[in-house]
Structures are given as structure tokens and as C-alpha cells.
Protein backbone atom coordinates (compact mmCIF):
# COMPACT_ATOMS: atom_id res chain seq x y z
CA MET A 1 40.89 13.03 -34.53
CA LEU A 2 37.02 12.80 -35.51
CA GLY A 3 37.58 14.98 -38.64
CA ARG A 4 34.92 17.35 -37.56
CA LEU A 5 32.41 14.46 -37.27
CA ALA A 6 29.64 15.18 -34.79
CA PRO A 7 28.07 12.22 -33.22
CA ASP A 8 24.27 12.05 -33.66
CA HIS A 9 22.20 12.33 -30.34
CA LYS A 10 21.08 8.80 -31.00
CA THR A 11 24.65 7.59 -31.02
CA ILE A 12 25.30 9.36 -27.62
CA ALA A 13 22.04 7.87 -26.09
CA ASP A 14 22.89 4.32 -27.33
CA PHE A 15 26.41 4.39 -25.90
CA ARG A 16 25.00 5.52 -22.52
CA LYS A 17 22.43 2.76 -22.78
CA ASP A 18 24.82 0.01 -23.99
CA ASN A 19 27.49 1.01 -21.28
CA GLY A 20 25.31 1.92 -18.27
CA LEU A 21 27.21 -0.45 -15.74
CA ALA A 22 30.71 0.78 -16.87
CA LEU A 23 29.50 4.70 -16.35
CA ARG A 24 28.16 3.74 -12.95
CA ARG A 25 31.59 2.37 -12.09
CA VAL A 26 33.34 5.37 -13.37
CA CYS A 27 31.11 7.57 -11.36
CA ALA A 28 31.79 5.33 -8.23
CA ARG A 29 35.62 5.60 -8.95
CA PHE A 30 35.39 9.27 -9.21
CA VAL A 31 33.93 9.70 -5.86
CA GLU A 32 36.64 7.29 -4.42
CA LEU A 33 39.19 9.44 -6.01
CA CYS A 34 37.67 12.60 -4.42
CA CYS A 35 37.74 10.81 -1.05
CA GLU A 36 41.31 9.92 -1.51
CA MET A 37 42.18 13.62 -2.33
CA GLY A 38 40.50 14.92 0.76
CA LEU A 39 37.78 16.88 -1.15
CA PHE A 40 34.99 15.48 1.06
CA ALA A 41 36.49 16.79 4.07
CA THR A 42 33.04 17.51 5.75
CA ALA A 43 30.22 15.14 6.11
CA SER A 44 27.70 17.36 4.68
CA VAL A 45 25.46 16.94 1.52
CA ALA A 46 22.86 18.91 -0.28
CA VAL A 47 20.02 16.78 -1.83
CA ASP A 48 17.92 17.75 -4.82
CA GLY A 49 16.08 16.40 -7.82
CA SER A 50 15.64 17.40 -11.40
CA LYS A 51 12.94 16.36 -13.94
CA PHE A 52 14.53 14.81 -17.24
CA LYS A 53 12.29 14.31 -20.16
CA ALA A 54 12.02 10.79 -21.59
CA VAL A 55 11.79 9.54 -25.10
CA ASN A 56 8.08 9.19 -24.43
CA ASN A 57 5.82 11.86 -25.90
CA ARG A 58 3.02 13.02 -23.72
CA ASP A 59 0.53 11.80 -26.11
CA ARG A 60 1.84 8.28 -25.46
CA ASN A 61 1.34 8.44 -21.54
CA PHE A 62 -1.97 7.46 -20.16
CA THR A 63 -3.65 7.79 -16.87
CA ARG A 64 -7.19 6.61 -16.08
CA ALA A 65 -8.52 10.36 -16.16
CA LYS A 66 -6.65 10.89 -19.32
CA VAL A 67 -8.23 7.79 -20.99
CA GLN A 68 -11.77 9.02 -19.84
CA ARG A 69 -10.92 12.60 -21.33
CA ARG A 70 -9.84 11.04 -24.58
CA ARG A 71 -12.89 8.77 -24.92
CA ALA A 72 -15.23 11.78 -24.36
CA GLN A 73 -13.36 13.63 -27.20
CA LEU A 74 -13.70 10.57 -29.51
CA ASP A 75 -17.32 10.19 -28.66
CA GLU A 76 -17.93 13.86 -29.50
CA SER A 77 -16.22 13.42 -32.96
CA VAL A 78 -18.20 10.16 -33.65
CA ALA A 79 -21.46 12.19 -32.90
CA ARG A 80 -20.17 15.13 -35.07
CA TYR A 81 -19.36 12.61 -38.00
CA LEU A 82 -22.57 10.77 -37.78
CA SER A 83 -24.63 13.91 -37.83
CA GLN A 84 -22.65 14.84 -41.11
CA LEU A 85 -23.64 11.47 -42.64
CA ASP A 86 -27.28 11.90 -41.66
CA THR A 87 -27.35 15.29 -43.39
CA ALA A 88 -25.55 13.76 -46.53
CA ASP A 89 -28.23 10.97 -46.77
CA ARG A 90 -31.04 13.59 -46.94
CA GLN A 91 -29.23 15.24 -50.22
CA GLU A 92 -29.34 14.55 -53.62
CA PRO A 93 -26.40 12.03 -54.63
CA THR A 94 -23.42 13.80 -56.46
CA GLU A 95 -19.73 12.72 -56.98
CA ALA A 96 -18.61 15.37 -54.60
CA LEU A 97 -20.99 14.26 -51.98
CA ALA A 98 -19.94 10.59 -52.51
CA THR A 99 -16.42 11.60 -51.79
CA LYS A 100 -17.23 13.34 -48.85
CA VAL A 101 -19.20 10.34 -47.38
CA THR A 102 -16.26 8.14 -48.28
CA LYS A 103 -13.87 10.25 -46.18
CA LEU A 104 -16.39 10.43 -43.27
CA LYS A 105 -16.62 6.72 -43.22
CA GLU A 106 -12.63 6.43 -43.20
CA LYS A 107 -12.62 8.84 -40.04
CA LEU A 108 -15.31 6.95 -38.45
CA ALA A 109 -13.23 3.67 -38.96
CA LYS A 110 -9.97 5.30 -37.56
CA LEU A 111 -12.00 6.68 -34.52
CA LYS A 112 -13.37 3.17 -33.80
CA GLU A 113 -9.85 1.56 -34.04
CA GLU A 114 -8.51 4.40 -31.71
CA MET A 115 -11.37 3.62 -29.11
CA GLY A 116 -10.54 -0.11 -29.22
CA LYS A 117 -6.93 0.81 -28.34
CA LEU A 118 -8.34 3.02 -25.61
CA VAL A 119 -9.97 -0.04 -24.07
CA VAL A 120 -6.72 -1.89 -24.00
CA TYR A 121 -4.88 1.09 -22.64
CA GLU A 122 -7.52 1.60 -19.74
CA LYS A 123 -7.09 -2.14 -18.71
CA GLN A 124 -3.25 -1.62 -18.60
CA THR A 125 -3.60 1.55 -16.82
CA LEU A 126 -5.80 -0.10 -13.95
CA ALA A 127 -3.37 -2.93 -13.63
CA SER A 128 -0.33 -0.60 -13.27
CA PRO A 129 0.63 0.04 -9.55
CA ASP A 130 0.37 3.79 -9.95
CA GLN A 131 -2.39 3.60 -12.49
CA GLN A 132 -0.16 5.01 -15.26
CA ILE A 133 1.34 3.77 -18.46
CA SER A 134 3.91 5.05 -20.92
CA LEU A 135 3.96 3.23 -24.42
CA THR A 136 7.29 4.32 -25.75
CA ASP A 137 9.37 4.49 -22.57
CA PRO A 138 7.59 2.18 -20.07
CA ASP A 139 9.49 3.26 -17.04
CA SER A 140 8.93 7.01 -17.57
CA ARG A 141 6.02 8.72 -15.70
CA SER A 142 4.07 11.91 -16.04
CA MET A 143 5.39 14.50 -13.44
CA ALA A 144 4.61 18.16 -12.53
CA THR A 145 7.29 20.81 -12.99
CA SER A 146 7.97 24.05 -11.44
CA GLY A 147 6.06 25.86 -14.16
CA ARG A 148 2.46 26.70 -13.53
CA GLY A 149 0.45 24.05 -15.46
CA SER A 150 3.27 22.54 -16.88
CA GLY A 151 4.51 18.98 -16.86
CA VAL A 152 6.73 16.35 -18.44
CA VAL A 153 6.96 12.62 -19.07
CA GLY A 154 10.31 11.54 -17.79
CA TYR A 155 12.28 10.68 -14.74
CA ASN A 156 13.08 12.36 -11.29
CA VAL A 157 17.03 12.31 -11.03
CA GLN A 158 17.99 12.67 -7.32
CA VAL A 159 21.52 13.82 -6.43
CA ALA A 160 23.54 14.38 -3.30
CA VAL A 161 26.02 16.87 -3.55
CA ASP A 162 29.02 17.91 -1.34
CA THR A 163 28.17 21.25 0.25
CA GLU A 164 31.84 22.65 0.19
CA GLN A 165 33.21 21.38 -3.21
CA HIS A 166 29.71 20.97 -4.84
CA LEU A 167 30.69 17.68 -6.21
CA ILE A 168 28.16 14.84 -6.70
CA VAL A 169 28.45 12.14 -4.08
CA THR A 170 25.74 9.78 -5.28
CA HIS A 171 22.78 9.95 -7.61
CA GLU A 172 19.74 7.83 -8.39
CA VAL A 173 17.11 7.91 -11.20
CA THR A 174 13.54 7.39 -10.07
CA ASN A 175 10.06 7.66 -11.79
CA SER A 176 8.53 8.92 -8.45
CA GLY A 177 7.28 12.68 -9.60
CA SER A 178 7.52 13.73 -5.80
CA ASP A 179 10.63 14.44 -3.73
CA ARG A 180 8.87 13.86 -0.45
CA ALA A 181 9.89 10.32 -0.14
CA GLN A 182 13.43 10.64 -1.30
CA LEU A 183 15.43 12.12 1.49
CA ALA A 184 16.25 9.23 3.71
CA ASN A 185 17.25 7.05 0.79
CA MET A 186 19.78 9.65 -0.77
CA ALA A 187 21.19 10.77 2.68
CA LYS A 188 21.73 7.17 3.50
CA GLN A 189 23.44 6.39 0.20
CA ALA A 190 25.74 9.59 0.71
CA LYS A 191 26.67 8.45 4.33
CA ALA A 192 27.57 4.96 3.01
CA VAL A 193 29.56 6.52 0.14
CA LEU A 194 31.38 8.88 2.45
CA GLY A 195 31.85 6.20 5.16
CA THR A 196 31.13 8.53 8.04
CA ARG A 197 29.44 7.84 11.27
CA THR A 198 27.28 10.89 11.07
CA LEU A 199 26.14 13.17 8.32
CA GLU A 200 24.31 16.58 7.62
CA ALA A 201 21.86 16.75 4.95
CA VAL A 202 20.26 19.86 3.38
CA ALA A 203 17.16 19.81 1.41
CA ASP A 204 14.57 22.35 0.34
CA ARG A 205 10.87 22.29 1.59
CA GLY A 206 9.84 19.90 -1.09
CA TYR A 207 11.79 17.08 1.08
CA PHE A 208 10.16 17.91 4.34
CA SER A 209 8.58 14.78 5.74
CA GLY A 210 8.26 13.57 9.45
CA PRO A 211 8.85 9.90 8.61
CA GLU A 212 11.74 10.73 6.46
CA ILE A 213 13.49 13.02 9.00
CA LEU A 214 12.86 10.21 11.63
CA ALA A 215 14.57 7.68 9.20
CA CYS A 216 17.46 10.05 8.84
CA HIS A 217 17.68 10.56 12.66
CA GLU A 218 17.80 6.78 13.28
CA ALA A 219 20.58 6.64 10.72
CA GLY A 220 22.66 9.27 12.25
CA ILE A 221 21.78 11.95 9.82
CA ILE A 222 20.89 15.60 10.75
CA VAL A 223 18.45 17.10 8.33
CA THR A 224 18.15 20.79 7.55
CA SER A 225 14.93 21.48 5.63
CA PRO A 226 12.33 24.42 5.93
CA LYS A 227 8.85 23.23 6.67
CA PRO A 228 6.24 24.01 3.80
CA GLN A 229 3.65 26.84 4.78
CA THR A 230 0.45 24.76 4.32
CA SER A 231 -1.58 26.33 7.36
CA SER A 232 -4.87 27.35 6.31
CA ALA A 233 -5.20 29.30 9.30
CA LYS A 234 -2.10 31.46 8.56
CA ALA A 235 -3.37 31.85 5.00
CA ASP A 236 -6.59 33.33 6.60
CA GLY A 237 -4.58 35.69 8.65
CA ARG A 238 -5.12 33.67 11.88
CA PHE A 239 -2.60 32.25 14.14
CA GLY A 240 -0.56 29.31 12.76
CA LYS A 241 0.63 26.24 14.80
CA GLN A 242 4.17 28.00 14.96
CA ASP A 243 2.57 30.65 17.39
CA PHE A 244 1.89 27.91 19.91
CA VAL A 245 4.85 27.14 22.25
CA TYR A 246 5.19 23.62 23.28
CA LEU A 247 6.10 23.20 26.99
CA PRO A 248 7.78 19.74 27.41
CA GLU A 249 7.66 19.53 31.16
CA GLU A 250 3.85 20.14 31.25
CA ASP A 251 3.20 18.19 27.96
CA ALA A 252 1.07 21.15 26.86
CA TYR A 253 1.00 24.10 24.50
CA ARG A 254 0.91 27.80 25.37
CA CYS A 255 -1.26 29.67 23.06
CA PRO A 256 -0.89 33.50 22.09
CA ALA A 257 -3.56 34.41 24.73
CA GLU A 258 -1.03 32.81 27.49
CA GLU A 259 -3.60 29.97 28.14
CA GLN A 260 -2.28 26.37 28.20
CA LEU A 261 -3.51 23.62 26.15
CA PRO A 262 -3.25 20.31 27.93
CA TYR A 263 -2.95 16.89 26.32
CA ARG A 264 -6.35 15.11 25.56
CA PHE A 265 -5.88 12.02 23.67
CA THR A 266 -3.86 10.16 21.05
CA SER A 267 -5.03 9.08 17.58
CA GLN A 268 -3.41 7.36 14.67
CA GLU A 269 -3.35 8.81 11.19
CA ASP A 270 -1.41 7.48 8.19
CA GLY A 271 0.53 5.19 10.42
CA LYS A 272 1.62 7.92 12.82
CA LEU A 273 0.65 8.56 16.34
CA ILE A 274 -0.87 12.10 16.77
CA ARG A 275 -1.41 13.68 20.16
CA ARG A 276 -4.19 16.12 20.64
CA TYR A 277 -4.22 19.27 22.74
CA TRP A 278 -6.92 21.88 23.44
CA THR A 279 -8.32 24.00 26.30
CA THR A 280 -11.90 24.91 27.07
CA ALA A 281 -10.82 28.66 27.57
CA CYS A 282 -11.38 29.53 23.93
CA GLN A 283 -15.06 30.30 24.28
CA ASN A 284 -14.41 33.47 26.38
CA CYS A 285 -10.99 34.43 24.68
CA SER A 286 -10.92 38.09 23.47
CA ILE A 287 -8.74 37.06 20.39
CA LYS A 288 -10.60 34.07 19.59
CA SER A 289 -11.48 35.36 16.01
CA GLN A 290 -7.68 35.72 15.26
CA CYS A 291 -7.26 32.04 16.09
CA THR A 292 -10.20 29.73 15.13
CA THR A 293 -13.59 29.71 13.55
CA GLY A 294 -14.55 26.45 15.77
CA PRO A 295 -15.70 26.06 19.35
CA GLU A 296 -11.82 25.65 20.28
CA ARG A 297 -8.37 25.66 18.78
CA ARG A 298 -6.79 22.10 18.67
CA ILE A 299 -3.30 21.46 18.02
CA PRO A 300 -1.96 18.15 16.83
CA ARG A 301 1.48 16.81 17.67
CA TRP A 302 3.41 13.89 16.17
CA GLU A 303 5.01 11.72 18.71
CA HIS A 304 8.33 12.27 17.11
CA GLU A 305 7.80 16.10 16.48
CA HIS A 306 10.63 17.10 18.65
CA LEU A 307 12.94 16.00 15.60
CA LEU A 308 11.20 18.34 13.24
CA ALA A 309 12.62 21.24 15.10
CA TRP A 310 16.14 19.81 13.89
CA GLY A 311 14.69 19.48 10.41
CA ARG A 312 13.54 23.01 10.25
CA ARG A 313 16.98 24.51 10.78
CA THR A 314 18.03 26.80 8.07
CA SER A 315 21.56 28.01 8.84
CA SER A 316 23.30 25.07 6.82
CA LEU A 317 20.79 25.62 4.11
CA LYS A 318 21.58 29.34 3.78
CA ARG A 319 25.34 28.66 3.93
CA PHE A 320 25.07 26.14 1.02
CA GLN A 321 22.75 28.62 -1.14
CA ARG A 322 25.48 31.44 -0.59
């Protein structure tokens, strides 16, 4: 029908941009059709995100640190060109030297112009909520990717997929580089689309967050997500928090040396109430060197930490991966 005419990538991009609302309606209708066909028989979804490159080039994205680095590079170039001009002033005038001086002055003029632009970019960056701007695609943001030392200026596309049929239930495009605060939003959207009273949501360790799991729990969503391995003690070969057993009836922890760490006090951190537990028996403990380098080992516990035990389940995660 097209006579072997291949549409240009810009044609496809413009079609998507000009028909965004219609495409969203098509996706919504597709999900409705899947529901009518009984393809979403189990109320279980897997949530994940992918980084998509924007039109914006990395050189057209600025943060405060990037502006400062670029300014330092420009200052270095200006100093080098001025030094070359000083050297030229001490030499005998020739036609070749005059041409070189003219080119140096042109380069200095361009550097001055770029430094003026940097001043404007810095003001815009500081005025931005996340202190970052993109000139070509204003909504795109610089994000880290899985590759070591790599990154992309683009978007983080979040998707909730049915764990049985692997069909997309709902999706959302964000410019947040982290998945940490996306779980509850995507799981709630999936629950609303499926029209179920409860939902199971599976996500990787990048989504593990106490407040997000709490929000899911309050919405009737059971989360399966492995906890990140961030314990410095475990990295040093010492006992991690997982080696301490919480005793609900005593409201205390039992350590690897069979001593109990009773509750001491509650403090607030990042809007969360944290309960603290420790014992004075650490000083005379025979395995203290395997536990802590401080006077005693202190265990923090979030007031809703019992929900995280559900969040760490891995059976559904393994089933979906298979």
C-alpha cells in the first residue's frame, strides 16, 4: 500500500506527539478488552521501569555542578589563549602572526559569549525545583543507568505488567531518575484498572521503600520486593540486622549471642518514627568483634517494620522471573 515507502523517524515521532490522547485511549481500550476476555484472571502485577533517551543531548543538559565544571574549563581555555596572545605581543609582527592573533581573539570572543550563556543557565538551574535544566527537551532529566559510569538524558517509563500473561496493565512516563518512589503509584493504578479489592505487586530491590510498602498496604496491595543489601556491618563481615531476631511479645531483639536488646527510646528520622534497641551486655560479649566496633550494638526499628517482612517475600518474584 505504501509502495515500499518507509516513514522517517520524525514522521513516527510527530504522529505519536500529535495523537498522544488517542494512543492513550487505545491502550486503555486494549486493557479493557483483555479484562473482558478474562486474560487478567489473577490480580498480580510486576512493576518495573526503563530509561528512554530523549531528544535532548547530554551537552544540552545542565546541573549546578555541570555548570561549575564547564566554567572551570572555559577559564582554563581563556587563560591559555591570553598567554598565547602575550607571547605573540613579544614577537616581531608578521602576516602569519597577525592571522594567528585574529583567530585567538575570535576564540576568546566565543568563549566570552559561552560564559555569558553559562550565567543564564546557572540562574535557570538554581530556579528549577530539582536544580537541573534541559534546553532541547525541557521535561527530560539526566539519569543514571545500569552501566557503570553511564547515564542518559531522558525519561523513566514505569510499567505494571500482569504476571501471568505478561500484558501491560498500566504505564506512566516520569522524569524521576529513581524507582524508589514509584511503587505505590503504579500499583494503585494497576489495582484501579483491574478493578480488584486486593492486588499482589512484584518489584525488584530498586523499589524497596518503607513508606511505599506502607502506602501499598493501606491500599490493599501486598508487595513482594527484596531488601537492598546496604548494611556496612555485613560488608565488613560483621553481623547484619537480619541476624537479630525481633521478639514481639517482649518488644526486644535477640542477638546472635542470645542476649536480649530491649527497647530504649523513639526518635524521628525523615518523617518516620524509629524505635531504638540495645543492651549493656555487649562490653563483655565474647563475639563483640563480629558485631560492632562501638560500645554496644544498636538496632533501629521503624514503627511499621512488620510490613517490610511482607515486602521482602520472594516466592512471587521468583515465579514471575521463571
